């Protein structure tokens, strides 16, 4: 459900982490990625991932823990509001990627 990505990881490393998530979408979002996407820096690549995952009905979100890494959660798009509602009282900000 959660992949932790360092702020300076390469897109191929991030992709490998996201592909290992049991909560990944059943429809492959990686067919929507182009060579240009794979040359983006970490933050921009994560935003592109969020857009492409949204295109297949999934949501990628970062749990803001005030650190130099990106804890990324993957879930069905219909459940994104639940994540935000649950994280708020715990003091964790949620940023939906590609929104």
PDB file of N, CA and C in Angstrom:
ATOM      1  N   UNK A   1       0.806  -1.194   0.000  1.00  0.00           N
ATOM      2  CA  UNK A   1       0.000   0.000   0.000  1.00  0.00           C
ATOM      3  C   UNK A   1       0.850   1.258   0.000  1.00  0.00           C
ATOM      4  N   UNK A   2       2.077   1.190   0.490  1.00  0.00           N
ATOM      5  CA  UNK A   2       2.910   2.381   0.596  1.00  0.00           C
ATOM      6  C   UNK A   2       4.293   2.112   0.017  1.00  0.00           C
ATOM      7  N   UNK A   3       4.761   3.046  -0.788  1.00  0.00           N
ATOM      8  CA  UNK A   3       6.123   2.985  -1.331  1.00  0.00           C
ATOM      9  C   UNK A   3       6.848   4.247  -0.887  1.00  0.00           C
ATOM     10  N   UNK A   4       8.021   4.082  -0.349  1.00  0.00           N
ATOM     11  CA  UNK A   4       8.782   5.245   0.075  1.00  0.00           C
ATOM     12  C   UNK A   4       9.830   5.556  -0.984  1.00  0.00           C
ATOM     13  N   UNK A   5       9.766   6.780  -1.498  1.00  0.00           N
ATOM     14  CA  UNK A   5      10.681   7.209  -2.561  1.00  0.00           C
ATOM     15  C   UNK A   5      11.530   8.360  -2.054  1.00  0.00           C
ATOM     16  N   UNK A   6      12.809   8.263  -2.288  1.00  0.00           N
ATOM     17  CA  UNK A   6      13.738   9.322  -1.913  1.00  0.00           C
ATOM     18  C   UNK A   6      13.575  10.502  -2.864  1.00  0.00           C
ATOM     19  N   UNK A   7      13.864  11.706  -2.409  1.00  0.00           N
ATOM     20  CA  UNK A   7      13.660  12.910  -3.206  1.00  0.00           C
ATOM     21  C   UNK A   7      14.516  12.953  -4.459  1.00  0.00           C
ATOM     22  N   UNK A   8      15.546  12.107  -4.523  1.00  0.00           N
ATOM     23  CA  UNK A   8      16.422  12.137  -5.701  1.00  0.00           C
ATOM     24  C   UNK A   8      16.436  10.823  -6.468  1.00  0.00           C
ATOM     25  N   UNK A   9      15.429   9.976  -6.268  1.00  0.00           N
ATOM     26  CA  UNK A   9      15.378   8.707  -6.981  1.00  0.00           C
ATOM     27  C   UNK A   9      15.072   8.899  -8.456  1.00  0.00           C
ATOM     28  N   UNK A  10      15.568   7.971  -9.239  1.00  0.00           N
ATOM     29  CA  UNK A  10      15.333   7.967 -10.677  1.00  0.00           C
ATOM     30  C   UNK A  10      13.939   7.399 -10.970  1.00  0.00           C
ATOM     31  N   UNK A  11      13.318   7.829 -12.067  1.00  0.00           N
ATOM     32  CA  UNK A  11      11.999   7.302 -12.429  1.00  0.00           C
ATOM     33  C   UNK A  11      11.929   5.777 -12.481  1.00  0.00           C
ATOM     34  N   UNK A  12      12.977   5.128 -12.959  1.00  0.00           N
ATOM     35  CA  UNK A  12      12.938   3.662 -13.036  1.00  0.00           C
ATOM     36  C   UNK A  12      12.869   3.034 -11.642  1.00  0.00           C
ATOM     37  N   UNK A  13      13.527   3.655 -10.667  1.00  0.00           N
ATOM     38  CA  UNK A  13      13.474   3.153  -9.297  1.00  0.00           C
ATOM     39  C   UNK A  13      12.079   3.360  -8.698  1.00  0.00           C
ATOM     40  N   UNK A  14      11.497   4.513  -8.971  1.00  0.00           N
ATOM     41  CA  UNK A  14      10.152   4.804  -8.470  1.00  0.00           C
ATOM     42  C   UNK A  14       9.154   3.839  -9.097  1.00  0.00           C
ATOM     43  N   UNK A  15       9.281   3.635 -10.399  1.00  0.00           N
ATOM     44  CA  UNK A  15       8.372   2.707 -11.080  1.00  0.00           C
ATOM     45  C   UNK A  15       8.454   1.321 -10.446  1.00  0.00           C
ATOM     46  N   UNK A  16       9.657   0.851 -10.186  1.00  0.00           N
ATOM     47  CA  UNK A  16       9.828  -0.475  -9.583  1.00  0.00           C
ATOM     48  C   UNK A  16       9.142  -0.552  -8.224  1.00  0.00           C
ATOM     49  N   UNK A  17       9.234   0.495  -7.443  1.00  0.00           N
ATOM     50  CA  UNK A  17       8.576   0.514  -6.126  1.00  0.00           C
ATOM     51  C   UNK A  17       7.053   0.492  -6.281  1.00  0.00           C
ATOM     52  N   UNK A  18       6.544   1.316  -7.197  1.00  0.00           N
ATOM     53  CA  UNK A  18       5.097   1.394  -7.384  1.00  0.00           C
ATOM     54  C   UNK A  18       4.529   0.090  -7.942  1.00  0.00           C
ATOM     55  N   UNK A  19       5.276  -0.571  -8.800  1.00  0.00           N
ATOM     56  CA  UNK A  19       4.808  -1.825  -9.386  1.00  0.00           C
ATOM     57  C   UNK A  19       4.728  -2.954  -8.360  1.00  0.00           C
ATOM     58  N   UNK A  20       5.444  -2.847  -7.247  1.00  0.00           N
ATOM     59  CA  UNK A  20       5.427  -3.872  -6.208  1.00  0.00           C
ATOM     60  C   UNK A  20       4.243  -3.731  -5.253  1.00  0.00           C
ATOM     61  N   UNK A  21       3.532  -2.614  -5.314  1.00  0.00           N
ATOM     62  CA  UNK A  21       2.426  -2.391  -4.382  1.00  0.00           C
ATOM     63  C   UNK A  21       1.264  -3.338  -4.672  1.00  0.00           C
ATOM     64  N   UNK A  22       0.775  -3.975  -3.650  1.00  0.00           N
ATOM     65  CA  UNK A  22      -0.384  -4.860  -3.812  1.00  0.00           C
ATOM     66  C   UNK A  22      -1.621  -4.058  -4.200  1.00  0.00           C
ATOM     67  N   UNK A  23      -1.646  -2.772  -3.856  1.00  0.00           N
ATOM     68  CA  UNK A  23      -2.798  -1.923  -4.158  1.00  0.00           C
ATOM     69  C   UNK A  23      -2.719  -1.266  -5.536  1.00  0.00           C
ATOM     70  N   UNK A  24      -1.725  -1.647  -6.336  1.00  0.00           N
ATOM     71  CA  UNK A  24      -1.593  -1.051  -7.668  1.00  0.00           C
ATOM     72  C   UNK A  24      -2.857  -1.347  -8.491  1.00  0.00           C
ATOM     73  N   UNK A  25      -3.147  -0.497  -9.478  1.00  0.00           N
ATOM     74  CA  UNK A  25      -4.355  -0.723 -10.291  1.00  0.00           C
ATOM     75  C   UNK A  25      -4.238  -1.984 -11.146  1.00  0.00           C
ATOM     76  N   UNK A  26      -5.371  -2.601 -11.422  1.00  0.00           N
ATOM     77  CA  UNK A  26      -5.364  -3.802 -12.256  1.00  0.00           C
ATOM     78  C   UNK A  26      -5.099  -3.460 -13.722  1.00  0.00           C
ATOM     79  N   UNK A  27      -5.442  -2.237 -14.127  1.00  0.00           N
ATOM     80  CA  UNK A  27      -5.142  -1.755 -15.475  1.00  0.00           C
ATOM     81  C   UNK A  27      -3.758  -1.110 -15.425  1.00  0.00           C
ATOM     82  N   UNK A  28      -2.897  -1.479 -16.320  1.00  0.00           N
ATOM     83  CA  UNK A  28      -1.511  -1.004 -16.308  1.00  0.00           C
ATOM     84  C   UNK A  28      -1.403   0.456 -16.731  1.00  0.00           C
ATOM     85  N   UNK A  29      -1.061   1.369 -15.790  1.00  0.00           N
ATOM     86  CA  UNK A  29      -0.916   2.773 -16.156  1.00  0.00           C
ATOM     87  C   UNK A  29       0.374   3.059 -16.918  1.00  0.00           C
ATOM     88  N   UNK A  30       1.323   2.127 -16.893  1.00  0.00           N
ATOM     89  CA  UNK A  30       2.631   2.402 -17.495  1.00  0.00           C
ATOM     90  C   UNK A  30       2.590   2.448 -19.016  1.00  0.00           C
ATOM     91  N   UNK A  31       1.534   1.954 -19.627  1.00  0.00           N
ATOM     92  CA  UNK A  31       1.417   2.077 -21.076  1.00  0.00           C
ATOM     93  C   UNK A  31       1.170   3.534 -21.475  1.00  0.00           C
ATOM     94  N   UNK A  32       0.772   4.370 -20.527  1.00  0.00           N
ATOM     95  CA  UNK A  32       0.496   5.783 -20.801  1.00  0.00           C
ATOM     96  C   UNK A  32       1.741   6.657 -20.698  1.00  0.00           C
ATOM     97  N   UNK A  33       2.829   6.101 -20.210  1.00  0.00           N
ATOM     98  CA  UNK A  33       4.061   6.864 -20.016  1.00  0.00           C
ATOM     99  C   UNK A  33       4.868   6.895 -21.295  1.00  0.00           C
ATOM    100  N   UNK A  34       5.472   8.027 -21.551  1.00  0.00           N
ATOM    101  CA  UNK A  34       6.353   8.174 -22.693  1.00  0.00           C
ATOM    102  C   UNK A  34       7.790   8.331 -22.238  1.00  0.00           C
ATOM    103  N   UNK A  35       8.698   8.340 -23.172  1.00  0.00           N
ATOM    104  CA  UNK A  35      10.119   8.486 -22.855  1.00  0.00           C
ATOM    105  C   UNK A  35      10.386   9.799 -22.133  1.00  0.00           C
ATOM    106  N   UNK A  36       9.632  10.828 -22.487  1.00  0.00           N
ATOM    107  CA  UNK A  36       9.813  12.135 -21.848  1.00  0.00           C
ATOM    108  C   UNK A  36       9.494  12.068 -20.353  1.00  0.00           C
ATOM    109  N   UNK A  37       8.423  11.337 -19.997  1.00  0.00           N
ATOM    110  CA  UNK A  37       8.072  11.168 -18.585  1.00  0.00           C
ATOM    111  C   UNK A  37       9.227  10.546 -17.799  1.00  0.00           C
ATOM    112  N   UNK A  38       9.915   9.607 -18.408  1.00  0.00           N
ATOM    113  CA  UNK A  38      10.961   8.865 -17.718  1.00  0.00           C
ATOM    114  C   UNK A  38      12.246   9.672 -17.532  1.00  0.00           C
ATOM    115  N   UNK A  39      12.277  10.901 -18.044  1.00  0.00           N
ATOM    116  CA  UNK A  39      13.442  11.775 -17.853  1.00  0.00           C
ATOM    117  C   UNK A  39      13.173  12.874 -16.827  1.00  0.00           C
ATOM    118  N   UNK A  40      11.986  12.890 -16.238  1.00  0.00           N
ATOM    119  CA  UNK A  40      11.623  13.930 -15.279  1.00  0.00           C
ATOM    120  C   UNK A  40      12.337  13.730 -13.948  1.00  0.00           C
ATOM    121  N   UNK A  41      12.486  14.831 -13.218  1.00  0.00           N
ATOM    122  CA  UNK A  41      13.021  14.738 -11.858  1.00  0.00           C
ATOM    123  C   UNK A  41      11.956  14.151 -10.946  1.00  0.00           C
ATOM    124  N   UNK A  42      12.352  13.759  -9.771  1.00  0.00           N
ATOM    125  CA  UNK A  42      11.495  13.007  -8.857  1.00  0.00           C
ATOM    126  C   UNK A  42      10.113  13.626  -8.652  1.00  0.00           C
ATOM    127  N   UNK A  43      10.048  14.879  -8.214  1.00  0.00           N
ATOM    128  CA  UNK A  43       8.753  15.504  -7.915  1.00  0.00           C
ATOM    129  C   UNK A  43       7.868  15.575  -9.155  1.00  0.00           C
ATOM    130  N   UNK A  44       8.438  15.969 -10.282  1.00  0.00           N
ATOM    131  CA  UNK A  44       7.670  16.057 -11.528  1.00  0.00           C
ATOM    132  C   UNK A  44       7.242  14.670 -12.001  1.00  0.00           C
ATOM    133  N   UNK A  45       8.109  13.678 -11.822  1.00  0.00           N
ATOM    134  CA  UNK A  45       7.757  12.322 -12.215  1.00  0.00           C
ATOM    135  C   UNK A  45       6.602  11.790 -11.372  1.00  0.00           C
ATOM    136  N   UNK A  46       6.626  12.061 -10.077  1.00  0.00           N
ATOM    137  CA  UNK A  46       5.529  11.616  -9.214  1.00  0.00           C
ATOM    138  C   UNK A  46       4.209  12.264  -9.625  1.00  0.00           C
ATOM    139  N   UNK A  47       4.250  13.532 -10.026  1.00  0.00           N
ATOM    140  CA  UNK A  47       3.024  14.199 -10.508  1.00  0.00           C
ATOM    141  C   UNK A  47       2.523  13.528 -11.792  1.00  0.00           C
ATOM    142  N   UNK A  48       3.453  13.195 -12.692  1.00  0.00           N
ATOM    143  CA  UNK A  48       3.061  12.493 -13.925  1.00  0.00           C
ATOM    144  C   UNK A  48       2.468  11.124 -13.587  1.00  0.00           C
ATOM    145  N   UNK A  49       3.062  10.430 -12.631  1.00  0.00           N
ATOM    146  CA  UNK A  49       2.511   9.143 -12.191  1.00  0.00           C
ATOM    147  C   UNK A  49       1.088   9.334 -11.685  1.00  0.00           C
ATOM    148  N   UNK A  50       0.877  10.378 -10.890  1.00  0.00           N
ATOM    149  CA  UNK A  50      -0.461  10.645 -10.366  1.00  0.00           C
ATOM    150  C   UNK A  50      -1.479  10.853 -11.471  1.00  0.00           C
ATOM    151  N   UNK A  51      -1.089  11.582 -12.517  1.00  0.00           N
ATOM    152  CA  UNK A  51      -2.002  11.815 -13.652  1.00  0.00           C
ATOM    153  C   UNK A  51      -2.322  10.510 -14.377  1.00  0.00           C
ATOM    154  N   UNK A  52      -1.303   9.716 -14.647  1.00  0.00           N
ATOM    155  CA  UNK A  52      -1.509   8.471 -15.383  1.00  0.00           C
ATOM    156  C   UNK A  52      -2.274   7.443 -14.552  1.00  0.00           C
ATOM    157  N   UNK A  53      -1.989   7.374 -13.290  1.00  0.00           N
ATOM    158  CA  UNK A  53      -2.740   6.465 -12.424  1.00  0.00           C
ATOM    159  C   UNK A  53      -4.202   6.899 -12.350  1.00  0.00           C
ATOM    160  N   UNK A  54      -4.445   8.190 -12.272  1.00  0.00           N
ATOM    161  CA  UNK A  54      -5.821   8.700 -12.250  1.00  0.00           C
ATOM    162  C   UNK A  54      -6.558   8.301 -13.524  1.00  0.00           C
ATOM    163  N   UNK A  55      -5.844   8.284 -14.645  1.00  0.00           N
ATOM    164  CA  UNK A  55      -6.455   7.898 -15.918  1.00  0.00           C
ATOM    165  C   UNK A  55      -6.969   6.457 -15.918  1.00  0.00           C
ATOM    166  N   UNK A  56      -6.457   5.617 -15.022  1.00  0.00           N
ATOM    167  CA  UNK A  56      -6.917   4.227 -14.943  1.00  0.00           C
ATOM    168  C   UNK A  56      -7.717   3.961 -13.663  1.00  0.00           C
ATOM    169  N   UNK A  57      -8.161   5.034 -13.007  1.00  0.00           N
ATOM    170  CA  UNK A  57      -9.046   4.893 -11.851  1.00  0.00           C
ATOM    171  C   UNK A  57      -8.382   4.731 -10.506  1.00  0.00           C
ATOM    172  N   UNK A  58      -7.114   5.051 -10.431  1.00  0.00           N
ATOM    173  CA  UNK A  58      -6.381   4.940  -9.166  1.00  0.00           C
ATOM    174  C   UNK A  58      -5.922   6.320  -8.711  1.00  0.00           C
ATOM    175  N   UNK A  59      -5.522   6.397  -7.468  1.00  0.00           N
ATOM    176  CA  UNK A  59      -4.978   7.640  -6.920  1.00  0.00           C
ATOM    177  C   UNK A  59      -3.633   7.353  -6.291  1.00  0.00           C
ATOM    178  N   UNK A  60      -2.690   8.226  -6.549  1.00  0.00           N
ATOM    179  CA  UNK A  60      -1.420   8.222  -5.831  1.00  0.00           C
ATOM    180  C   UNK A  60      -1.410   9.464  -4.950  1.00  0.00           C
ATOM    181  N   UNK A  61      -1.025   9.287  -3.705  1.00  0.00           N
ATOM    182  CA  UNK A  61      -0.983  10.407  -2.775  1.00  0.00           C
ATOM    183  C   UNK A  61       0.293  10.324  -1.957  1.00  0.00           C
ATOM    184  N   UNK A  62       0.818  11.498  -1.606  1.00  0.00           N
ATOM    185  CA  UNK A  62       1.989  11.581  -0.738  1.00  0.00           C
ATOM    186  C   UNK A  62       1.508  11.941   0.657  1.00  0.00           C
ATOM    187  N   UNK A  63       1.998  11.206   1.642  1.00  0.00           N
ATOM    188  CA  UNK A  63       1.734  11.540   3.037  1.00  0.00           C
ATOM    189  C   UNK A  63       2.851  12.468   3.477  1.00  0.00           C
ATOM    190  N   UNK A  64       2.510  13.704   3.794  1.00  0.00           N
ATOM    191  CA  UNK A  64       3.519  14.709   4.131  1.00  0.00           C
ATOM    192  C   UNK A  64       3.986  14.506   5.565  1.00  0.00           C
ATOM    193  N   UNK A  65       5.196  14.013   5.702  1.00  0.00           N
ATOM    194  CA  UNK A  65       5.771  13.738   7.016  1.00  0.00           C
ATOM    195  C   UNK A  65       6.929  14.685   7.342  1.00  0.00           C
ATOM    196  N   UNK A  66       7.045  15.768   6.593  1.00  0.00           N
ATOM    197  CA  UNK A  66       8.127  16.743   6.796  1.00  0.00           C
ATOM    198  C   UNK A  66       9.510  16.100   6.731  1.00  0.00           C
ATOM    199  N   UNK A  67       9.695  15.185   5.789  1.00  0.00           N
ATOM    200  CA  UNK A  67      11.011  14.583   5.617  1.00  0.00           C
ATOM    201  C   UNK A  67      11.444  14.755   4.169  1.00  0.00           C
ATOM    202  N   UNK A  68      12.613  14.254   3.848  1.00  0.00           N
ATOM    203  CA  UNK A  68      13.131  14.399   2.491  1.00  0.00           C
ATOM    204  C   UNK A  68      12.775  13.202   1.615  1.00  0.00           C
ATOM    205  N   UNK A  69      11.794  12.431   2.034  1.00  0.00           N
ATOM    206  CA  UNK A  69      11.334  11.334   1.200  1.00  0.00           C
ATOM    207  C   UNK A  69       9.837  11.502   0.921  1.00  0.00           C
ATOM    208  N   UNK A  70       9.364  10.727  -0.012  1.00  0.00           N
ATOM    209  CA  UNK A  70       7.956  10.767  -0.405  1.00  0.00           C
ATOM    210  C   UNK A  70       7.308   9.421  -0.066  1.00  0.00           C
ATOM    211  N   UNK A  71       6.561   9.332   1.057  1.00  0.00           N
ATOM    212  CA  UNK A  71       5.779   8.127   1.292  1.00  0.00           C
ATOM    213  C   UNK A  71       4.555   8.179   0.367  1.00  0.00           C
ATOM    214  N   UNK A  72       4.515   7.311  -0.631  1.00  0.00           N
ATOM    215  CA  UNK A  72       3.471   7.344  -1.654  1.00  0.00           C
ATOM    216  C   UNK A  72       2.498   6.194  -1.420  1.00  0.00           C
ATOM    217  N   UNK A  73       1.215   6.542  -1.394  1.00  0.00           N
ATOM    218  CA  UNK A  73       0.148   5.567  -1.191  1.00  0.00           C
ATOM    219  C   UNK A  73      -0.614   5.429  -2.504  1.00  0.00           C
ATOM    220  N   UNK A  74      -0.977   4.198  -2.839  1.00  0.00           N
ATOM    221  CA  UNK A  74      -1.786   3.924  -4.021  1.00  0.00           C
ATOM    222  C   UNK A  74      -3.107   3.317  -3.564  1.00  0.00           C
ATOM    223  N   UNK A  75      -4.211   3.857  -4.048  1.00  0.00           N
ATOM    224  CA  UNK A  75      -5.532   3.351  -3.706  1.00  0.00           C
ATOM    225  C   UNK A  75      -6.510   3.670  -4.824  1.00  0.00           C
ATOM    226  N   UNK A  76      -7.678   3.057  -4.766  1.00  0.00           N
ATOM    227  CA  UNK A  76      -8.705   3.368  -5.763  1.00  0.00           C
ATOM    228  C   UNK A  76      -9.083   4.838  -5.640  1.00  0.00           C
ATOM    229  N   UNK A  77      -9.314   5.477  -6.754  1.00  0.00           N
ATOM    230  CA  UNK A  77      -9.629   6.909  -6.773  1.00  0.00           C
ATOM    231  C   UNK A  77     -10.838   7.234  -5.904  1.00  0.00           C
ATOM    232  N   UNK A  78     -11.816   6.348  -5.865  1.00  0.00           N
ATOM    233  CA  UNK A  78     -13.030   6.583  -5.086  1.00  0.00           C
ATOM    234  C   UNK A  78     -12.759   6.659  -3.583  1.00  0.00           C
ATOM    235  N   UNK A  79     -11.592   6.210  -3.147  1.00  0.00           N
ATOM    236  CA  UNK A  79     -11.283   6.187  -1.711  1.00  0.00           C
ATOM    237  C   UNK A  79     -10.332   7.301  -1.275  1.00  0.00           C
ATOM    238  N   UNK A  80      -9.968   8.194  -2.172  1.00  0.00           N
ATOM    239  CA  UNK A  80      -9.022   9.260  -1.840  1.00  0.00           C
ATOM    240  C   UNK A  80      -9.542  10.154  -0.718  1.00  0.00           C
ATOM    241  N   UNK A  81     -10.820  10.444  -0.720  1.00  0.00           N
ATOM    242  CA  UNK A  81     -11.402  11.271   0.336  1.00  0.00           C
ATOM    243  C   UNK A  81     -11.288  10.623   1.701  1.00  0.00           C
ATOM    244  N   UNK A  82     -11.427   9.313   1.749  1.00  0.00           N
ATOM    245  CA  UNK A  82     -11.291   8.585   3.006  1.00  0.00           C
ATOM    246  C   UNK A  82      -9.876   8.716   3.564  1.00  0.00           C
ATOM    247  N   UNK A  83      -8.889   8.617   2.686  1.00  0.00           N
ATOM    248  CA  UNK A  83      -7.500   8.743   3.113  1.00  0.00           C
ATOM    249  C   UNK A  83      -7.262  10.106   3.744  1.00  0.00           C
ATOM    250  N   UNK A  84      -7.731  11.149   3.079  1.00  0.00           N
ATOM    251  CA  UNK A  84      -7.560  12.506   3.587  1.00  0.00           C
ATOM    252  C   UNK A  84      -8.255  12.670   4.933  1.00  0.00           C
ATOM    253  N   UNK A  85      -9.470  12.148   5.047  1.00  0.00           N
ATOM    254  CA  UNK A  85     -10.235  12.268   6.292  1.00  0.00           C
ATOM    255  C   UNK A  85      -9.564  11.527   7.451  1.00  0.00           C
ATOM    256  N   UNK A  86      -8.973  10.378   7.180  1.00  0.00           N
ATOM    257  CA  UNK A  86      -8.317   9.609   8.233  1.00  0.00           C
ATOM    258  C   UNK A  86      -6.961  10.191   8.625  1.00  0.00           C
ATOM    259  N   UNK A  87      -6.243  10.728   7.667  1.00  0.00           N
ATOM    260  CA  UNK A  87      -4.907  11.252   7.939  1.00  0.00           C
ATOM    261  C   UNK A  87      -4.955  12.584   8.691  1.00  0.00           C
ATOM    262  N   UNK A  88      -5.963  13.416   8.405  1.00  0.00           N
ATOM    263  CA  UNK A  88      -6.059  14.739   9.025  1.00  0.00           C
ATOM    264  C   UNK A  88      -6.007  14.722  10.537  1.00  0.00           C
ATOM    265  N   UNK A  89      -6.861  13.968  11.214  1.00  0.00           N
ATOM    266  CA  UNK A  89      -6.830  13.939  12.680  1.00  0.00           C
ATOM    267  C   UNK A  89      -5.507  13.415  13.249  1.00  0.00           C
ATOM    268  N   UNK A  90      -4.781  12.636  12.461  1.00  0.00           N
ATOM    269  CA  UNK A  90      -3.483  12.118  12.904  1.00  0.00           C
ATOM    270  C   UNK A  90      -2.372  13.144  12.690  1.00  0.00           C
ATOM    271  N   UNK A  91      -2.728  14.305  12.114  1.00  0.00           N
ATOM    272  CA  UNK A  91      -1.740  15.349  11.869  1.00  0.00           C
ATOM    273  C   UNK A  91      -0.901  15.127  10.625  1.00  0.00           C
ATOM    274  N   UNK A  92      -1.392  14.293   9.722  1.00  0.00           N
ATOM    275  CA  UNK A  92      -0.652  14.000   8.492  1.00  0.00           C
ATOM    276  C   UNK A  92      -1.382  14.651   7.321  1.00  0.00           C
ATOM    277  N   UNK A  93      -0.671  15.484   6.616  1.00  0.00           N
ATOM    278  CA  UNK A  93      -1.249  16.112   5.424  1.00  0.00           C
ATOM    279  C   UNK A  93      -1.117  15.153   4.244  1.00  0.00           C
ATOM    280  N   UNK A  94      -2.140  15.136   3.403  1.00  0.00           N
ATOM    281  CA  UNK A  94      -2.152  14.281   2.223  1.00  0.00           C
ATOM    282  C   UNK A  94      -2.160  15.167   0.993  1.00  0.00           C
ATOM    283  N   UNK A  95      -1.271  14.868   0.052  1.00  0.00           N
ATOM    284  CA  UNK A  95      -1.251  15.594  -1.224  1.00  0.00           C
ATOM    285  C   UNK A  95      -1.510  14.592  -2.334  1.00  0.00           C
ATOM    286  N   UNK A  96      -2.616  14.795  -3.023  1.00  0.00           N
ATOM    287  CA  UNK A  96      -2.964  13.922  -4.146  1.00  0.00           C
ATOM    288  C   UNK A  96      -2.083  14.295  -5.332  1.00  0.00           C
ATOM    289  N   UNK A  97      -1.396  13.321  -5.895  1.00  0.00           N
ATOM    290  CA  UNK A  97      -0.496  13.565  -7.023  1.00  0.00           C
ATOM    291  C   UNK A  97      -1.254  13.649  -8.328  1.00  0.00           C
ATOM    292  N   UNK A  98      -0.839  14.565  -9.171  1.00  0.00           N
ATOM    293  CA  UNK A  98      -1.426  14.704 -10.493  1.00  0.00           C
ATOM    294  C   UNK A  98      -2.801  15.340 -10.518  1.00  0.00           C
ATOM    295  N   UNK A  99      -3.193  15.924  -9.413  1.00  0.00           N
ATOM    296  CA  UNK A  99      -4.535  16.540  -9.331  1.00  0.00           C
ATOM    297  C   UNK A  99      -4.580  17.870 -10.056  1.00  0.00           C
TER     298      UNK A  99
END
